[in-house]
Amino acid sequence: MRYTELDTPSLLIDRERLLKNLADMQHYADENNVKLRPHTKTHKMPELAMLQETQGACGIAVAKVGEAEVMAQWGLKDIFIANEIVGSQKLERIAALSKIGVRISFGVDTPCQVTQAEKVFSANEITVPVLIEIEVGENRSGIIREEDFIRLLDTLKDCPHVSFSGIFSHDGNSYHAADLAGLHSLAEEAQRRTLHFVDLAKAHGMPCSVVSYGATPTFMNHVKILEGITELRPGTYALMDASQGHAVGTLDRCAATVLATVISKPTDTRTILDVGAKGLTMQERTAGICATPGKGTILEYPGAHIDSVFDEHAILYDREFHDRVCIGDKVRIIPVHVCPVCNLYDRAYLISGSEVVKELAVACRGKLC
């Protein structure tokens, strides 16, 4: 069928744009002699994760244990949970994945996370590797002080069932870089800080086998990858979105759109679409290289942007758009931030041109724990 025959709202993925994004990022990783470990929290679709591995990825990253469980059920066997894991329930689930042959690892940044994991894994008679997260400017989780890093390494030495695999970092602050020069500067600074902790670990007798670094805007703009980084961990690059499109200077790489129907034109300028916060989210990006007007961009009319959203309605105040569409017309919206959007749909439709070629299960949606 043609995608215009789908009911709305529907999540669409342009096959040709997707494949180009996957191939280009794999080539970038290969060119820099590093592995590629895509972060699948963006799309939450096992079939896309398998496609990424087919194209050369060494494994995948996920955000939550539930995502890892689903990916493993679909046959993916090399999974890094790029997040701190706290709580015996989650650790028992990780132990169960390890016991069925999944090469599972996860993040830590505090000694108590390690000692709790040691208790669970020793009882299960297994050893699970972890990576220490380093804060590199995002002001989120991760090690900040060197003394805390050494303390965590010492804790790992005393926990034989929790092995030290290496270090990971995420320069999410790159989304707010003012321009390309600033982006490259932030990326270099983030990598140098990451590699500084690699040197500290080596000096402490604990060399890193994995040094994982992530963020889509940096890699899409082909920042220099410093020697010592062993793998890249981008997520949004596969589908892209309006904010990432602005970061690279074109919306032509945006593979994901939300199909919506024009349902009302109550004034001379106001147009209403049948998807709102429950199908697009209310997130905006208002600063830096990823700054994007509105809460979504109309693919067919790239100068038209969603001004506001209610739960089930998107509102545009654009006279030209208003006058060019009729009630019942279908348009495609490029989301501002695609990651939360994918989590709102049970399925996505892979399209080629105007044709639907496959239905994809968003199997990890709602896996928040």
Protein backbone atom coordinates (compact mmCIF):
# COMPACT_ATOMS: atom_id res chain seq x y z
CA MET A 1 0.00 0.00 0.00
CA ARG A 2 0.94 3.64 -0.24
CA TYR A 3 1.81 5.31 3.03
CA THR A 4 -0.96 7.84 2.45
CA GLU A 5 -3.42 4.95 2.91
CA LEU A 6 -2.26 4.46 6.51
CA ASP A 7 -4.41 5.74 9.32
CA THR A 8 -2.96 8.62 11.29
CA PRO A 9 -0.94 9.32 13.24
CA SER A 10 1.64 6.78 12.06
CA LEU A 11 5.41 6.59 12.44
CA LEU A 12 7.20 6.32 9.09
CA ILE A 13 10.83 5.52 8.31
CA ASP A 14 12.29 6.30 4.91
CA ARG A 15 14.32 3.22 3.93
CA GLU A 16 16.77 4.96 1.62
CA ARG A 17 17.58 7.70 4.14
CA LEU A 18 17.92 5.14 6.92
CA LEU A 19 20.33 2.98 4.92
CA LYS A 20 22.44 5.99 3.97
CA ASN A 21 22.66 7.09 7.60
CA LEU A 22 23.71 3.60 8.72
CA ALA A 23 26.28 3.19 5.96
CA ASP A 24 27.81 6.63 6.45
CA MET A 25 28.25 6.19 10.22
CA GLN A 26 29.74 2.74 9.79
CA HIS A 27 32.16 4.15 7.22
CA TYR A 28 33.09 6.96 9.62
CA ALA A 29 33.85 4.45 12.37
CA ASP A 30 35.83 2.22 10.03
CA GLU A 31 37.77 5.22 8.73
CA ASN A 32 38.77 6.06 12.30
CA ASN A 33 39.68 2.45 13.14
CA VAL A 34 37.13 2.22 15.94
CA LYS A 35 34.16 -0.04 16.55
CA LEU A 36 30.59 1.17 16.21
CA ARG A 37 28.10 0.34 18.96
CA PRO A 38 24.80 2.08 18.07
CA HIS A 39 22.62 3.24 20.93
CA THR A 40 19.25 1.67 20.13
CA LYS A 41 17.26 3.71 22.67
CA THR A 42 16.57 6.00 19.71
CA HIS A 43 14.54 3.58 17.60
CA LYS A 44 13.79 0.73 20.09
CA MET A 45 13.39 -1.65 17.14
CA PRO A 46 15.24 -5.00 17.20
CA GLU A 47 15.05 -5.35 13.42
CA LEU A 48 16.89 -2.05 12.98
CA ALA A 49 19.44 -3.12 15.59
CA MET A 50 20.05 -6.33 13.66
CA LEU A 51 20.43 -4.30 10.47
CA GLN A 52 23.04 -2.13 12.20
CA GLU A 53 24.98 -5.23 13.22
CA THR A 54 24.70 -6.63 9.70
CA GLN A 55 26.31 -3.44 8.41
CA GLY A 56 29.27 -3.84 10.77
CA ALA A 57 28.32 -2.75 14.29
CA CYS A 58 30.14 -4.70 17.02
CA GLY A 59 27.03 -4.85 19.20
CA ILE A 60 24.46 -2.44 20.55
CA ALA A 61 23.88 -0.10 23.46
CA VAL A 62 20.60 0.26 25.31
CA ALA A 63 19.40 2.51 28.13
CA LYS A 64 17.48 0.06 30.32
CA VAL A 65 17.53 -3.57 31.39
CA GLY A 66 14.09 -4.05 29.82
CA GLU A 67 15.44 -2.96 26.44
CA ALA A 68 18.33 -5.40 26.80
CA GLU A 69 15.90 -8.24 27.57
CA VAL A 70 13.82 -7.54 24.48
CA MET A 71 16.86 -7.18 22.22
CA ALA A 72 18.19 -10.49 23.57
CA GLN A 73 14.86 -12.19 22.86
CA TRP A 74 15.26 -11.12 19.23
CA GLY A 75 18.73 -12.69 19.08
CA LEU A 76 21.06 -9.76 19.79
CA LYS A 77 23.86 -11.03 22.01
CA ASP A 78 26.35 -8.19 22.62
CA ILE A 79 24.62 -5.51 24.68
CA PHE A 80 25.96 -2.62 26.77
CA ILE A 81 23.50 -0.88 29.09
CA ALA A 82 24.88 2.67 28.91
CA ASN A 83 23.45 3.64 32.27
CA GLU A 84 24.06 3.08 35.97
CA ILE A 85 22.21 0.05 37.33
CA VAL A 86 20.89 0.20 40.89
CA GLY A 87 18.73 -2.39 42.66
CA SER A 88 18.90 -6.16 43.15
CA GLN A 89 15.87 -6.75 40.90
CA LYS A 90 17.61 -5.25 37.88
CA LEU A 91 20.89 -6.98 38.72
CA GLU A 92 19.15 -10.36 38.93
CA ARG A 93 17.71 -9.74 35.46
CA ILE A 94 21.19 -8.92 34.16
CA ALA A 95 22.44 -12.14 35.74
CA ALA A 96 19.72 -14.06 33.92
CA LEU A 97 20.81 -12.54 30.59
CA SER A 98 24.43 -13.46 31.27
CA LYS A 99 23.43 -17.05 32.04
CA ILE A 100 21.79 -17.49 28.64
CA GLY A 101 24.92 -16.36 26.82
CA VAL A 102 24.30 -12.64 26.30
CA ARG A 103 27.53 -10.62 26.47
CA ILE A 104 26.00 -8.08 28.80
CA SER A 105 27.74 -5.11 30.46
CA PHE A 106 26.57 -1.95 32.17
CA GLY A 107 27.68 1.36 33.63
CA VAL A 108 28.73 2.36 37.14
CA ASP A 109 29.94 5.57 38.76
CA THR A 110 29.73 4.83 42.51
CA PRO A 111 31.25 2.09 44.72
CA CYS A 112 27.90 1.00 46.21
CA GLN A 113 26.68 0.06 42.71
CA VAL A 114 29.62 -2.32 42.41
CA THR A 115 29.30 -3.89 45.86
CA GLN A 116 25.60 -4.50 45.31
CA ALA A 117 26.35 -6.11 41.94
CA GLU A 118 29.07 -8.25 43.53
CA LYS A 119 26.57 -9.64 46.03
CA VAL A 120 24.08 -10.59 43.29
CA PHE A 121 26.60 -11.95 40.78
CA SER A 122 28.56 -13.97 43.33
CA ALA A 123 25.33 -15.64 44.43
CA ASN A 124 24.66 -16.49 40.78
CA GLU A 125 28.26 -17.67 40.27
CA ILE A 126 28.83 -15.40 37.28
CA THR A 127 31.09 -12.48 36.41
CA VAL A 128 29.72 -9.45 34.56
CA PRO A 129 31.87 -6.62 33.16
CA VAL A 130 31.17 -2.95 33.85
CA LEU A 131 32.32 0.35 32.39
CA ILE A 132 32.87 3.45 34.51
CA GLU A 133 31.08 6.54 33.25
CA ILE A 134 33.06 9.78 33.08
CA GLU A 135 31.28 13.14 33.21
CA VAL A 136 32.60 15.23 30.31
CA GLY A 137 30.46 18.37 30.49
CA GLU A 138 26.85 17.25 30.18
CA ASN A 139 26.21 17.76 33.92
CA ARG A 140 24.51 14.42 34.22
CA SER A 141 25.80 11.15 35.73
CA GLY A 142 29.42 10.05 35.73
CA ILE A 143 32.69 10.45 37.64
CA ILE A 144 33.88 14.02 38.13
CA ARG A 145 36.73 13.84 40.67
CA GLU A 146 39.87 11.76 40.24
CA GLU A 147 39.80 10.57 43.86
CA ASP A 148 36.30 9.14 43.31
CA PHE A 149 37.55 7.31 40.24
CA ILE A 150 40.44 5.72 42.15
CA ARG A 151 38.09 4.73 44.96
CA LEU A 152 35.80 3.05 42.44
CA LEU A 153 38.72 1.20 40.85
CA ASP A 154 39.78 -0.05 44.28
CA THR A 155 36.24 -1.27 44.93
CA LEU A 156 36.31 -3.18 41.66
CA LYS A 157 39.60 -4.83 42.66
CA ASP A 158 37.83 -6.22 45.71
CA CYS A 159 34.82 -7.53 43.75
CA PRO A 160 35.88 -10.53 41.64
CA HIS A 161 32.44 -11.07 40.13
CA VAL A 162 32.29 -7.53 38.70
CA SER A 163 35.11 -7.12 36.18
CA PHE A 164 36.47 -3.80 34.98
CA SER A 165 36.07 -3.47 31.21
CA GLY A 166 36.76 0.20 30.64
CA ILE A 167 35.29 3.67 30.43
CA PHE A 168 32.42 5.40 28.65
CA SER A 169 31.35 9.01 28.22
CA HIS A 170 28.70 11.06 26.44
CA ASP A 171 29.22 14.66 25.38
CA GLY A 172 25.56 15.61 25.33
CA ASN A 173 26.63 19.19 25.91
CA SER A 174 27.67 19.22 22.25
CA TYR A 175 23.98 19.70 21.39
CA HIS A 176 24.33 23.22 22.76
CA ALA A 177 27.54 24.16 20.91
CA ALA A 178 27.13 27.58 19.35
CA ASP A 179 28.67 26.60 16.01
CA LEU A 180 30.76 23.97 14.28
CA ALA A 181 34.03 25.30 15.68
CA GLY A 182 32.57 25.10 19.16
CA LEU A 183 31.30 21.57 18.46
CA HIS A 184 34.74 20.36 17.42
CA SER A 185 36.31 22.01 20.46
CA LEU A 186 33.82 20.37 22.84
CA ALA A 187 34.36 16.98 21.21
CA GLU A 188 38.12 17.21 21.56
CA GLU A 189 37.83 18.33 25.18
CA ALA A 190 35.41 15.49 25.99
CA GLN A 191 37.69 12.90 24.44
CA ARG A 192 40.79 14.24 26.17
CA ARG A 193 39.03 14.14 29.53
CA THR A 194 37.88 10.58 28.84
CA LEU A 195 41.40 9.53 27.86
CA HIS A 196 42.85 11.19 30.96
CA PHE A 197 40.88 8.73 33.08
CA VAL A 198 42.05 5.91 30.84
CA ASP A 199 45.62 6.89 31.75
CA LEU A 200 44.72 7.03 35.46
CA ALA A 201 43.27 3.53 35.28
CA LYS A 202 46.35 2.17 33.52
CA ALA A 203 48.64 3.79 36.11
CA HIS A 204 46.51 2.12 38.80
CA GLY A 205 47.14 -1.28 37.23
CA MET A 206 43.74 -1.53 35.55
CA PRO A 207 44.03 -0.91 31.79
CA CYS A 208 40.86 -0.29 29.77
CA SER A 209 39.92 -2.74 27.05
CA VAL A 210 36.96 -0.55 26.02
CA VAL A 211 36.87 3.24 25.73
CA SER A 212 33.39 4.13 24.49
CA TYR A 213 32.43 7.65 23.42
CA GLY A 214 29.01 8.83 22.26
CA ALA A 215 26.92 11.69 20.83
CA THR A 216 25.36 12.05 17.39
CA PRO A 217 26.02 15.74 16.51
CA THR A 218 29.77 15.28 16.86
CA PHE A 219 29.98 12.17 14.70
CA MET A 220 27.57 13.45 12.04
CA ASN A 221 29.92 16.42 11.67
CA HIS A 222 32.93 14.11 11.45
CA VAL A 223 34.91 15.37 14.45
CA LYS A 224 38.41 14.01 14.83
CA ILE A 225 38.51 10.82 16.88
CA LEU A 226 41.55 10.76 19.14
CA GLU A 227 43.82 7.75 19.49
CA GLY A 228 42.74 5.65 22.45
CA ILE A 229 39.00 5.79 21.79
CA THR A 230 37.96 2.23 20.87
CA GLU A 231 34.27 2.55 20.03
CA LEU A 232 31.64 5.12 19.06
CA ARG A 233 28.17 5.06 20.57
CA PRO A 234 25.80 7.31 18.59
CA GLY A 235 22.04 6.80 18.63
CA THR A 236 20.01 9.43 16.80
CA TYR A 237 22.08 9.19 13.61
CA ALA A 238 20.02 6.23 12.34
CA LEU A 239 16.72 8.12 12.07
CA MET A 240 17.83 11.72 12.62
CA ASP A 241 15.34 14.47 13.51
CA ALA A 242 14.89 18.18 12.90
CA SER A 243 17.40 19.24 15.56
CA GLN A 244 20.06 16.87 14.25
CA GLY A 245 19.24 18.05 10.73
CA HIS A 246 19.98 21.62 11.77
CA ALA A 247 23.25 20.45 13.34
CA VAL A 248 24.42 19.11 9.97
CA GLY A 249 22.80 21.83 7.87
CA THR A 250 20.14 19.77 6.06
CA LEU A 251 16.89 17.97 6.74
CA ASP A 252 17.60 15.54 3.90
CA ARG A 253 19.03 12.99 6.34
CA CYS A 254 15.85 12.83 8.43
CA ALA A 255 14.48 9.30 7.95
CA ALA A 256 11.70 9.36 10.56
CA THR A 257 8.47 11.32 10.20
CA VAL A 258 5.04 11.21 11.76
CA LEU A 259 2.17 11.02 9.27
CA ALA A 260 -0.72 13.24 10.36
CA THR A 261 -4.02 14.44 8.95
CA VAL A 262 -5.30 18.00 8.67
CA ILE A 263 -8.51 17.88 10.73
CA SER A 264 -9.51 21.54 11.17
CA LYS A 265 -8.90 25.07 9.85
CA PRO A 266 -10.92 27.21 12.29
CA THR A 267 -9.40 30.59 11.31
CA ASP A 268 -7.66 32.15 8.32
CA THR A 269 -4.26 31.17 9.72
CA ARG A 270 -4.76 28.31 12.19
CA THR A 271 -4.41 24.69 11.05
CA ILE A 272 -4.95 21.65 13.29
CA LEU A 273 -3.33 18.22 12.82
CA ASP A 274 -4.49 15.01 14.50
CA VAL A 275 -1.33 14.34 16.53
CA GLY A 276 -0.18 16.10 19.66
CA ALA A 277 2.00 15.52 22.70
CA LYS A 278 1.00 11.84 22.80
CA GLY A 279 2.49 11.27 19.35
CA LEU A 280 5.17 13.97 19.04
CA THR A 281 6.15 14.99 22.61
CA MET A 282 6.31 18.66 23.67
CA GLN A 283 10.11 18.85 23.62
CA GLU A 284 11.89 21.76 21.97
CA ARG A 285 15.51 22.62 21.25
CA THR A 286 15.98 26.34 21.49
CA ALA A 287 19.74 26.91 21.73
CA GLY A 288 22.98 25.90 20.09
CA ILE A 289 23.80 24.02 16.92
CA CYS A 290 20.68 21.85 17.29
CA ALA A 291 18.27 24.79 17.74
CA THR A 292 15.06 24.10 15.84
CA PRO A 293 11.99 26.30 15.32
CA GLY A 294 8.72 25.03 16.74
CA LYS A 295 7.75 21.58 17.95
CA GLY A 296 8.01 19.84 14.58
CA THR A 297 8.68 20.70 10.93
CA ILE A 298 6.37 19.81 8.04
CA LEU A 299 8.40 17.76 5.55
CA GLU A 300 6.40 18.88 2.51
CA TYR A 301 6.47 22.52 3.69
CA PRO A 302 9.82 22.94 5.49
CA GLY A 303 9.07 26.56 6.30
CA ALA A 304 6.03 25.51 8.34
CA HIS A 305 6.53 24.56 11.98
CA ILE A 306 4.20 23.40 14.72
CA ASP A 307 3.60 26.26 17.13
CA SER A 308 2.00 24.35 19.99
CA VAL A 309 0.60 20.95 20.92
CA PHE A 310 -2.20 19.67 23.09
CA ASP A 311 -2.52 15.99 23.97
CA GLU A 312 -4.05 15.08 20.60
CA HIS A 313 -3.68 18.26 18.50
CA ALA A 314 -0.83 20.07 16.77
CA ILE A 315 -1.43 23.75 16.04
CA LEU A 316 0.17 25.71 13.22
CA TYR A 317 -0.21 29.44 12.60
CA ASP A 318 1.10 29.71 9.07
CA ARG A 319 -1.01 31.42 6.40
CA GLU A 320 0.77 29.85 3.43
CA PHE A 321 0.48 26.35 4.87
CA HIS A 322 -3.15 26.97 5.81
CA ASP A 323 -4.03 28.05 2.29
CA ARG A 324 -2.23 25.16 0.59
CA VAL A 325 -3.77 22.27 2.53
CA CYS A 326 -7.32 21.01 2.80
CA ILE A 327 -9.08 19.16 5.59
CA GLY A 328 -8.30 15.48 5.05
CA ASP A 329 -4.84 16.07 3.56
CA LYS A 330 -2.00 14.08 5.08
CA VAL A 331 1.40 15.59 5.86
CA ARG A 332 4.62 14.28 7.36
CA ILE A 333 6.12 15.88 10.46
CA ILE A 334 9.85 15.76 11.19
CA PRO A 335 10.04 15.54 15.00
CA VAL A 336 12.28 17.88 16.95
CA HIS A 337 13.60 14.94 18.98
CA VAL A 338 12.92 11.48 17.59
CA CYS A 339 13.95 9.32 20.59
CA PRO A 340 10.87 9.96 22.76
CA VAL A 341 8.65 9.89 19.67
CA CYS A 342 9.56 6.29 18.82
CA ASN A 343 8.60 5.29 22.35
CA LEU A 344 5.03 6.46 21.66
CA TYR A 345 4.28 3.98 18.86
CA ASP A 346 3.73 0.20 18.79
CA ARG A 347 4.95 -0.05 15.22
CA ALA A 348 6.70 1.90 12.50
CA TYR A 349 6.27 1.61 8.75
CA LEU A 350 9.33 1.33 6.55
CA ILE A 351 8.65 3.15 3.30
CA SER A 352 10.41 3.46 -0.04
CA GLY A 353 9.19 6.39 -2.04
CA SER A 354 5.44 6.35 -1.53
CA GLU A 355 5.20 2.60 -0.83
CA VAL A 356 5.06 0.82 2.53
CA VAL A 357 7.58 -2.04 2.30
CA LYS A 358 7.59 -3.39 5.86
CA GLU A 359 6.01 -3.04 9.28
CA LEU A 360 8.52 -2.85 12.15
CA ALA A 361 7.75 -3.62 15.78
CA VAL A 362 8.85 -0.94 18.23
CA ALA A 363 9.36 -3.84 20.60
CA CYS A 364 11.29 -1.95 23.28
CA ARG A 365 8.72 0.81 23.70
CA GLY A 366 7.71 1.35 27.30
CA LYS A 367 10.66 -0.66 28.65
CA LEU A 368 11.55 1.95 31.23
CA CYS A 369 13.01 -0.29 33.92
